[in-house]
């Protein structure tokens, strides 16, 4: 029972960090004339502060009118030898762009 509570806490924290990293990456990558590297750097700063989000990867798909960011990883586990459950967070939305009147 105790391991289940600990695992749930680890997972919730890792999921929140993945969501924060995806949101931060989206905010940076959607900016006018920004690129994927701006989003990756923003996500990396958030991921570096998390002790529960392990093996995180960031995937950014930027088109002319939209950006989608997905952060995946795993979480800690109180059970030795088990990598913990996976986490995934995706944020999508429009890019900032100049539109002629």
Protein backbone atom coordinates (compact mmCIF):
# COMPACT_ATOMS: atom_id res chain seq x y z
CA UNK A 1 0.00 0.00 0.00
CA UNK A 2 2.77 2.42 0.94
CA UNK A 3 4.63 1.71 -2.30
CA UNK A 4 1.45 2.53 -4.23
CA UNK A 5 1.12 5.90 -2.52
CA UNK A 6 4.79 6.70 -3.15
CA UNK A 7 4.50 5.63 -6.80
CA UNK A 8 1.42 7.81 -7.28
CA UNK A 9 3.25 10.80 -5.79
CA UNK A 10 6.30 10.23 -8.03
CA UNK A 11 4.07 9.86 -11.10
CA UNK A 12 2.00 12.97 -10.34
CA UNK A 13 5.12 15.09 -9.86
CA UNK A 14 6.74 13.75 -13.05
CA UNK A 15 3.51 14.33 -15.01
CA UNK A 16 3.31 17.91 -13.72
CA UNK A 17 6.95 18.53 -14.69
CA UNK A 18 6.38 17.07 -18.16
CA UNK A 19 3.35 19.36 -18.59
CA UNK A 20 5.34 22.38 -17.39
CA UNK A 21 8.20 21.55 -19.78
CA UNK A 22 5.79 21.12 -22.72
CA UNK A 23 4.04 24.41 -21.93
CA UNK A 24 7.32 26.27 -21.62
CA UNK A 25 8.62 24.76 -24.86
CA UNK A 26 5.42 25.68 -26.68
CA UNK A 27 5.58 29.29 -25.43
CA UNK A 28 9.16 29.62 -26.70
CA UNK A 29 8.66 27.77 -29.99
CA UNK A 30 5.48 29.62 -31.00
CA UNK A 31 7.16 33.03 -30.90
CA UNK A 32 7.52 34.97 -34.13
CA UNK A 33 10.63 33.74 -36.03
CA UNK A 34 11.47 31.23 -33.28
CA UNK A 35 12.64 27.73 -34.03
CA UNK A 36 12.59 24.33 -32.45
CA UNK A 37 15.84 25.04 -30.61
CA UNK A 38 14.19 27.79 -28.56
CA UNK A 39 11.51 25.35 -27.44
CA UNK A 40 14.01 22.60 -26.70
CA UNK A 41 16.11 24.95 -24.56
CA UNK A 42 13.03 26.09 -22.61
CA UNK A 43 11.94 22.50 -21.97
CA UNK A 44 15.46 21.48 -20.94
CA UNK A 45 15.55 24.19 -18.27
CA UNK A 46 12.35 22.80 -16.71
CA UNK A 47 13.41 19.16 -17.03
CA UNK A 48 16.74 19.90 -15.33
CA UNK A 49 14.89 20.98 -12.17
CA UNK A 50 12.93 17.73 -11.84
CA UNK A 51 14.21 14.84 -9.78
CA UNK A 52 11.22 12.63 -10.69
CA UNK A 53 11.15 12.98 -14.51
CA UNK A 54 13.75 10.57 -15.93
CA UNK A 55 14.92 10.01 -19.50
CA UNK A 56 12.84 12.88 -20.80
CA UNK A 57 12.67 13.59 -24.51
CA UNK A 58 11.16 16.59 -26.25
CA UNK A 59 9.60 16.44 -29.69
CA UNK A 60 8.60 19.69 -31.40
CA UNK A 61 6.68 19.85 -34.65
CA UNK A 62 6.47 23.41 -35.97
CA UNK A 63 4.51 24.21 -39.08
CA UNK A 64 3.70 27.55 -40.67
CA UNK A 65 0.60 28.05 -38.52
CA UNK A 66 0.90 25.69 -35.55
CA UNK A 67 3.27 24.13 -33.05
CA UNK A 68 2.96 20.84 -31.19
CA UNK A 69 5.26 19.88 -28.33
CA UNK A 70 5.36 16.44 -26.69
CA UNK A 71 7.46 15.62 -23.64
CA UNK A 72 7.83 11.95 -22.66
CA UNK A 73 9.78 10.20 -19.95
CA UNK A 74 9.50 7.90 -16.98
CA UNK A 75 9.30 8.44 -13.27
CA UNK A 76 11.12 7.13 -10.22
CA UNK A 77 9.95 3.97 -8.58
CA UNK A 78 10.11 2.91 -4.94
CA UNK A 79 10.53 -0.67 -6.20
CA UNK A 80 14.19 -1.44 -7.02
CA UNK A 81 14.80 -2.53 -10.61
CA UNK A 82 11.52 -1.17 -11.97
CA UNK A 83 11.83 1.99 -14.04
CA UNK A 84 8.46 3.37 -13.08
CA UNK A 85 5.52 4.26 -15.28
CA UNK A 86 5.77 6.51 -18.28
CA UNK A 87 4.56 10.08 -18.49
CA UNK A 88 3.57 12.08 -21.56
CA UNK A 89 2.40 15.66 -21.98
CA UNK A 90 1.44 17.39 -25.23
CA UNK A 91 0.72 21.07 -25.85
CA UNK A 92 -0.42 22.37 -29.25
CA UNK A 93 -1.47 25.73 -30.57
CA UNK A 94 -0.97 28.43 -33.16
CA UNK A 95 2.31 30.14 -33.97
CA UNK A 96 2.83 33.87 -33.74
CA UNK A 97 3.10 35.20 -37.29
CA UNK A 98 2.71 38.35 -39.27
CA UNK A 99 -0.43 38.47 -41.38
CA UNK A 100 -0.79 41.25 -43.91
CA UNK A 101 -3.99 43.26 -43.54
